[in-house]
Amino acid sequence: MVMYKQSYEYDKNEIITRITKNRNRHRDIYERAMEIYRERAIEQLNSFADDLKAGKSPKLYINLPVPEDHTKDYDAMLDMLKSSINTTIELDNERFRQFVRDEWEWKDRFLGTVNSYVVDYAEEE
């Protein structure tokens, strides 16, 4: 099967607005997930400290997924678009999915991690 790479022209300012919205939502969710991650990590560390003070020998292993911050991915795209002198931008299917639909190769991994901390993510989309 032959796959054709199609591309179309889009209004640059509209794409910038969309990426900015997606970036801000990503950053807000990341920051909330990190806040909860830090709270849970501190709770576990305090529990370890209490056990050690009580003479116990706890296994010192923290099994918490660290939320990933992909804000720089959005920022790089915004910098590229804002630097362009063109008023329109040509996007192929892959870039359209990233820029407009907010579907990145890392998105499933990001969602899996943040859903460990921020269960209302799906409601915000």
N, C-alpha and C. Protein backbone atom coordinates (compact mmCIF):
# COMPACT_ATOMS: atom_id res chain seq x y z
N MET A 1 0.84 -1.18 0.00
CA MET A 1 0.00 0.00 0.00
C MET A 1 0.89 1.24 0.00
N VAL A 2 0.62 2.16 -0.88
CA VAL A 2 1.40 3.38 -0.99
C VAL A 2 0.74 4.46 -0.15
N MET A 3 1.53 5.09 0.73
CA MET A 3 1.01 6.17 1.57
C MET A 3 1.44 7.50 0.95
N TYR A 4 0.50 8.40 0.77
CA TYR A 4 0.81 9.70 0.23
C TYR A 4 0.86 10.71 1.36
N LYS A 5 1.85 11.54 1.29
CA LYS A 5 2.00 12.57 2.31
C LYS A 5 1.32 13.83 1.79
N GLN A 6 0.15 14.10 2.32
CA GLN A 6 -0.59 15.28 1.90
C GLN A 6 -0.27 16.43 2.85
N SER A 7 -0.35 17.62 2.31
CA SER A 7 -0.19 18.80 3.16
C SER A 7 -1.15 19.88 2.68
N TYR A 8 -1.53 20.72 3.60
CA TYR A 8 -2.49 21.78 3.32
C TYR A 8 -2.02 23.07 3.97
N GLU A 9 -2.52 24.18 3.46
CA GLU A 9 -2.19 25.50 3.98
C GLU A 9 -3.19 25.88 5.09
N TYR A 10 -2.66 26.46 6.17
CA TYR A 10 -3.50 26.90 7.29
C TYR A 10 -3.08 28.31 7.69
N ASP A 11 -4.00 29.02 8.29
CA ASP A 11 -3.71 30.35 8.80
C ASP A 11 -2.73 30.23 9.97
N LYS A 12 -1.60 30.90 9.85
CA LYS A 12 -0.54 30.78 10.86
C LYS A 12 -1.03 31.22 12.25
N ASN A 13 -1.76 32.31 12.32
CA ASN A 13 -2.22 32.81 13.62
C ASN A 13 -3.20 31.85 14.29
N GLU A 14 -4.02 31.20 13.48
CA GLU A 14 -4.96 30.21 14.03
C GLU A 14 -4.20 29.02 14.61
N ILE A 15 -3.16 28.59 13.92
CA ILE A 15 -2.34 27.48 14.41
C ILE A 15 -1.60 27.89 15.68
N ILE A 16 -1.08 29.11 15.72
CA ILE A 16 -0.39 29.60 16.93
C ILE A 16 -1.36 29.61 18.11
N THR A 17 -2.59 30.08 17.87
CA THR A 17 -3.59 30.11 18.94
C THR A 17 -3.88 28.70 19.45
N ARG A 18 -4.01 27.75 18.54
CA ARG A 18 -4.32 26.37 18.92
C ARG A 18 -3.16 25.75 19.71
N ILE A 19 -1.94 25.93 19.23
CA ILE A 19 -0.78 25.37 19.93
C ILE A 19 -0.63 26.00 21.31
N THR A 20 -0.86 27.30 21.40
CA THR A 20 -0.76 28.00 22.69
C THR A 20 -1.76 27.44 23.69
N LYS A 21 -2.99 27.22 23.23
CA LYS A 21 -4.02 26.63 24.09
C LYS A 21 -3.60 25.23 24.55
N ASN A 22 -3.13 24.41 23.62
CA ASN A 22 -2.70 23.06 23.96
C ASN A 22 -1.51 23.09 24.91
N ARG A 23 -0.57 23.99 24.67
CA ARG A 23 0.61 24.12 25.53
C ARG A 23 0.21 24.49 26.95
N ASN A 24 -0.67 25.47 27.07
CA ASN A 24 -1.08 25.93 28.40
C ASN A 24 -1.82 24.84 29.16
N ARG A 25 -2.67 24.08 28.46
CA ARG A 25 -3.38 22.98 29.10
C ARG A 25 -2.39 21.90 29.55
N HIS A 26 -1.45 21.57 28.67
CA HIS A 26 -0.42 20.59 29.01
C HIS A 26 0.35 21.03 30.26
N ARG A 27 0.78 22.28 30.27
CA ARG A 27 1.59 22.79 31.38
C ARG A 27 0.80 22.79 32.69
N ASP A 28 -0.46 23.20 32.65
CA ASP A 28 -1.29 23.21 33.85
C ASP A 28 -1.45 21.80 34.41
N ILE A 29 -1.71 20.85 33.54
CA ILE A 29 -1.90 19.47 34.00
C ILE A 29 -0.59 18.91 34.53
N TYR A 30 0.51 19.19 33.84
CA TYR A 30 1.82 18.74 34.32
C TYR A 30 2.10 19.30 35.72
N GLU A 31 1.88 20.58 35.91
CA GLU A 31 2.16 21.21 37.21
C GLU A 31 1.30 20.62 38.32
N ARG A 32 0.03 20.35 38.03
CA ARG A 32 -0.83 19.72 39.04
C ARG A 32 -0.36 18.31 39.36
N ALA A 33 0.02 17.57 38.32
CA ALA A 33 0.52 16.21 38.54
C ALA A 33 1.81 16.23 39.34
N MET A 34 2.71 17.18 39.06
CA MET A 34 3.96 17.28 39.81
C MET A 34 3.72 17.62 41.27
N GLU A 35 2.75 18.46 41.52
CA GLU A 35 2.42 18.83 42.90
C GLU A 35 1.99 17.58 43.69
N ILE A 36 1.13 16.78 43.10
CA ILE A 36 0.66 15.56 43.76
C ILE A 36 1.80 14.54 43.86
N TYR A 37 2.61 14.44 42.81
CA TYR A 37 3.78 13.54 42.84
C TYR A 37 4.68 13.90 44.02
N ARG A 38 4.99 15.18 44.17
CA ARG A 38 5.87 15.61 45.27
C ARG A 38 5.26 15.29 46.63
N GLU A 39 3.95 15.54 46.77
CA GLU A 39 3.28 15.23 48.04
C GLU A 39 3.39 13.75 48.37
N ARG A 40 3.13 12.89 47.39
CA ARG A 40 3.19 11.44 47.62
C ARG A 40 4.62 10.98 47.89
N ALA A 41 5.59 11.56 47.20
CA ALA A 41 6.99 11.20 47.43
C ALA A 41 7.40 11.59 48.84
N ILE A 42 7.01 12.77 49.28
CA ILE A 42 7.34 13.23 50.64
C ILE A 42 6.68 12.34 51.68
N GLU A 43 5.42 11.94 51.43
CA GLU A 43 4.75 11.02 52.36
C GLU A 43 5.53 9.72 52.49
N GLN A 44 5.96 9.16 51.36
CA GLN A 44 6.71 7.91 51.41
C GLN A 44 8.05 8.10 52.12
N LEU A 45 8.73 9.20 51.83
CA LEU A 45 10.02 9.45 52.47
C LEU A 45 9.86 9.64 53.98
N ASN A 46 8.81 10.35 54.38
CA ASN A 46 8.54 10.52 55.80
C ASN A 46 8.24 9.19 56.48
N SER A 47 7.50 8.34 55.78
CA SER A 47 7.20 7.01 56.31
C SER A 47 8.49 6.20 56.48
N PHE A 48 9.37 6.28 55.49
CA PHE A 48 10.67 5.60 55.60
C PHE A 48 11.46 6.13 56.79
N ALA A 49 11.46 7.45 56.96
CA ALA A 49 12.20 8.07 58.07
C ALA A 49 11.62 7.61 59.41
N ASP A 50 10.29 7.56 59.52
CA ASP A 50 9.65 7.11 60.75
C ASP A 50 10.03 5.66 61.06
N ASP A 51 10.00 4.81 60.03
CA ASP A 51 10.38 3.41 60.22
C ASP A 51 11.83 3.29 60.66
N LEU A 52 12.71 4.05 60.04
CA LEU A 52 14.13 4.01 60.40
C LEU A 52 14.34 4.48 61.84
N LYS A 53 13.66 5.52 62.25
CA LYS A 53 13.77 6.02 63.62
C LYS A 53 13.25 5.00 64.62
N ALA A 54 12.28 4.19 64.20
CA ALA A 54 11.71 3.16 65.07
C ALA A 54 12.54 1.88 65.06
N GLY A 55 13.67 1.91 64.36
CA GLY A 55 14.55 0.75 64.35
C GLY A 55 14.19 -0.29 63.30
N LYS A 56 13.26 0.01 62.45
CA LYS A 56 12.88 -0.91 61.38
C LYS A 56 13.83 -0.76 60.19
N SER A 57 13.77 -1.71 59.28
CA SER A 57 14.61 -1.68 58.07
C SER A 57 13.72 -1.72 56.83
N PRO A 58 13.11 -0.58 56.51
CA PRO A 58 12.21 -0.57 55.34
C PRO A 58 13.01 -0.66 54.04
N LYS A 59 12.34 -1.19 53.03
CA LYS A 59 12.95 -1.17 51.70
C LYS A 59 12.78 0.24 51.15
N LEU A 60 13.87 0.88 50.84
CA LEU A 60 13.83 2.27 50.40
C LEU A 60 13.67 2.36 48.89
N TYR A 61 12.46 2.13 48.46
CA TYR A 61 12.15 2.17 47.04
C TYR A 61 10.87 2.96 46.85
N ILE A 62 10.94 3.98 46.03
CA ILE A 62 9.76 4.79 45.72
C ILE A 62 9.31 4.42 44.32
N ASN A 63 8.10 3.92 44.22
CA ASN A 63 7.55 3.50 42.94
C ASN A 63 6.48 4.48 42.49
N LEU A 64 6.91 5.68 42.12
CA LEU A 64 5.98 6.70 41.64
C LEU A 64 6.45 7.16 40.26
N PRO A 65 5.58 7.08 39.26
CA PRO A 65 6.00 7.57 37.95
C PRO A 65 6.15 9.10 37.97
N VAL A 66 7.22 9.57 37.40
CA VAL A 66 7.49 11.01 37.36
C VAL A 66 6.79 11.60 36.14
N PRO A 67 5.94 12.60 36.34
CA PRO A 67 5.28 13.24 35.20
C PRO A 67 6.32 13.84 34.23
N GLU A 68 6.03 13.74 32.94
CA GLU A 68 6.91 14.27 31.91
C GLU A 68 6.43 15.66 31.49
N ASP A 69 7.38 16.57 31.36
CA ASP A 69 7.05 17.92 30.90
C ASP A 69 7.47 18.05 29.44
N HIS A 70 6.51 18.29 28.57
CA HIS A 70 6.79 18.46 27.14
C HIS A 70 6.51 19.88 26.69
N THR A 71 6.54 20.82 27.62
CA THR A 71 6.30 22.22 27.29
C THR A 71 7.26 22.70 26.21
N LYS A 72 8.50 22.22 26.26
CA LYS A 72 9.50 22.66 25.27
C LYS A 72 9.12 22.24 23.85
N ASP A 73 8.40 21.14 23.71
CA ASP A 73 7.94 20.73 22.38
C ASP A 73 6.99 21.77 21.80
N TYR A 74 6.07 22.24 22.63
CA TYR A 74 5.14 23.27 22.19
C TYR A 74 5.88 24.58 21.93
N ASP A 75 6.77 24.94 22.84
CA ASP A 75 7.51 26.20 22.70
C ASP A 75 8.34 26.23 21.42
N ALA A 76 8.95 25.10 21.07
CA ALA A 76 9.75 25.04 19.84
C ALA A 76 8.86 25.29 18.62
N MET A 77 7.67 24.70 18.61
CA MET A 77 6.76 24.90 17.49
C MET A 77 6.29 26.36 17.43
N LEU A 78 5.99 26.93 18.60
CA LEU A 78 5.55 28.32 18.63
C LEU A 78 6.66 29.26 18.17
N ASP A 79 7.89 29.02 18.59
CA ASP A 79 9.02 29.85 18.15
C ASP A 79 9.18 29.79 16.64
N MET A 80 9.08 28.57 16.10
CA MET A 80 9.22 28.40 14.65
C MET A 80 8.14 29.18 13.90
N LEU A 81 6.90 29.03 14.36
CA LEU A 81 5.80 29.70 13.67
C LEU A 81 5.87 31.22 13.81
N LYS A 82 6.19 31.69 14.99
CA LYS A 82 6.26 33.14 15.21
C LYS A 82 7.41 33.77 14.45
N SER A 83 8.45 33.01 14.16
CA SER A 83 9.60 33.52 13.43
C SER A 83 9.36 33.55 11.92
N SER A 84 8.37 32.83 11.47
CA SER A 84 8.08 32.76 10.04
C SER A 84 7.49 34.08 9.55
N ILE A 85 7.91 34.49 8.35
CA ILE A 85 7.35 35.72 7.77
C ILE A 85 6.05 35.44 7.01
N ASN A 86 5.72 34.17 6.86
CA ASN A 86 4.51 33.79 6.14
C ASN A 86 3.27 34.00 6.99
N THR A 87 2.14 34.24 6.32
CA THR A 87 0.87 34.37 7.04
C THR A 87 0.12 33.05 7.07
N THR A 88 0.57 32.11 6.24
CA THR A 88 -0.01 30.77 6.26
C THR A 88 1.12 29.78 6.51
N ILE A 89 0.72 28.59 6.94
CA ILE A 89 1.70 27.54 7.23
C ILE A 89 1.22 26.26 6.57
N GLU A 90 2.13 25.53 5.98
CA GLU A 90 1.79 24.26 5.35
C GLU A 90 2.04 23.15 6.36
N LEU A 91 1.01 22.34 6.59
CA LEU A 91 1.12 21.22 7.53
C LEU A 91 0.80 19.92 6.82
N ASP A 92 1.65 18.94 7.04
CA ASP A 92 1.33 17.60 6.56
C ASP A 92 0.47 16.91 7.62
N ASN A 93 0.08 15.68 7.38
CA ASN A 93 -0.81 14.96 8.30
C ASN A 93 -0.22 14.85 9.70
N GLU A 94 1.06 14.52 9.78
CA GLU A 94 1.69 14.35 11.10
C GLU A 94 1.71 15.66 11.87
N ARG A 95 2.12 16.73 11.23
CA ARG A 95 2.17 18.03 11.91
C ARG A 95 0.77 18.52 12.26
N PHE A 96 -0.21 18.24 11.43
CA PHE A 96 -1.59 18.61 11.74
C PHE A 96 -2.04 17.91 13.02
N ARG A 97 -1.73 16.61 13.14
CA ARG A 97 -2.12 15.88 14.35
C ARG A 97 -1.44 16.47 15.58
N GLN A 98 -0.19 16.87 15.45
CA GLN A 98 0.51 17.45 16.59
C GLN A 98 0.02 18.86 16.89
N PHE A 99 0.05 19.72 15.89
CA PHE A 99 -0.23 21.14 16.10
C PHE A 99 -1.70 21.42 16.40
N VAL A 100 -2.59 20.78 15.68
CA VAL A 100 -4.01 21.09 15.78
C VAL A 100 -4.73 20.14 16.73
N ARG A 101 -4.50 18.85 16.57
CA ARG A 101 -5.23 17.86 17.37
C ARG A 101 -4.53 17.51 18.67
N ASP A 102 -3.31 18.01 18.87
CA ASP A 102 -2.54 17.76 20.09
C ASP A 102 -2.28 16.26 20.30
N GLU A 103 -1.96 15.59 19.22
CA GLU A 103 -1.67 14.15 19.26
C GLU A 103 -0.19 13.95 18.96
N TRP A 104 0.61 13.78 20.01
CA TRP A 104 2.05 13.62 19.90
C TRP A 104 2.44 12.17 20.16
N GLU A 105 3.64 11.79 19.72
CA GLU A 105 4.09 10.41 19.94
C GLU A 105 4.23 10.09 21.43
N TRP A 106 4.42 11.07 22.27
CA TRP A 106 4.59 10.86 23.71
C TRP A 106 3.27 11.00 24.48
N LYS A 107 2.19 11.34 23.81
CA LYS A 107 0.94 11.69 24.49
C LYS A 107 0.36 10.55 25.34
N ASP A 108 0.36 9.32 24.83
CA ASP A 108 -0.19 8.21 25.61
C ASP A 108 0.62 7.98 26.88
N ARG A 109 1.92 8.07 26.79
CA ARG A 109 2.78 7.91 27.96
C ARG A 109 2.52 9.04 28.97
N PHE A 110 2.39 10.26 28.47
CA PHE A 110 2.09 11.41 29.33
C PHE A 110 0.76 11.21 30.05
N LEU A 111 -0.26 10.80 29.30
CA LEU A 111 -1.59 10.60 29.90
C LEU A 111 -1.57 9.49 30.94
N GLY A 112 -0.85 8.41 30.65
CA GLY A 112 -0.75 7.32 31.61
C GLY A 112 -0.15 7.76 32.92
N THR A 113 0.86 8.60 32.83
CA THR A 113 1.52 9.09 34.05
C THR A 113 0.66 10.09 34.79
N VAL A 114 0.16 11.11 34.09
CA VAL A 114 -0.60 12.14 34.80
C VAL A 114 -1.92 11.60 35.34
N ASN A 115 -2.48 10.60 34.69
CA ASN A 115 -3.72 10.02 35.21
C ASN A 115 -3.51 9.31 36.53
N SER A 116 -2.25 9.01 36.88
CA SER A 116 -1.93 8.46 38.20
C SER A 116 -2.14 9.53 39.28
N TYR A 117 -2.13 10.79 38.87
CA TYR A 117 -2.20 11.91 39.82
C TYR A 117 -3.39 12.81 39.59
N VAL A 118 -3.71 13.08 38.36
CA VAL A 118 -4.77 14.03 38.02
C VAL A 118 -5.84 13.27 37.24
N VAL A 119 -6.82 12.77 37.94
CA VAL A 119 -7.81 11.89 37.31
C VAL A 119 -8.82 12.64 36.46
N ASP A 120 -8.88 13.96 36.57
CA ASP A 120 -9.87 14.71 35.82
C ASP A 120 -9.31 15.23 34.50
N TYR A 121 -8.18 14.71 34.04
CA TYR A 121 -7.59 15.19 32.78
C TYR A 121 -8.55 15.07 31.61
N ALA A 122 -9.19 13.93 31.47
CA ALA A 122 -10.07 13.69 30.34
C ALA A 122 -11.20 14.70 30.28
N GLU A 123 -11.63 15.20 31.42
CA GLU A 123 -12.72 16.17 31.46
C GLU A 123 -12.30 17.52 30.89
N GLU A 124 -10.98 17.78 30.85
CA GLU A 124 -10.51 19.07 30.41
C GLU A 124 -10.31 19.15 28.91
N GLU A 125 -10.34 18.03 28.22
CA GLU A 125 -10.09 18.06 26.78
C GLU A 125 -11.32 18.49 26.02
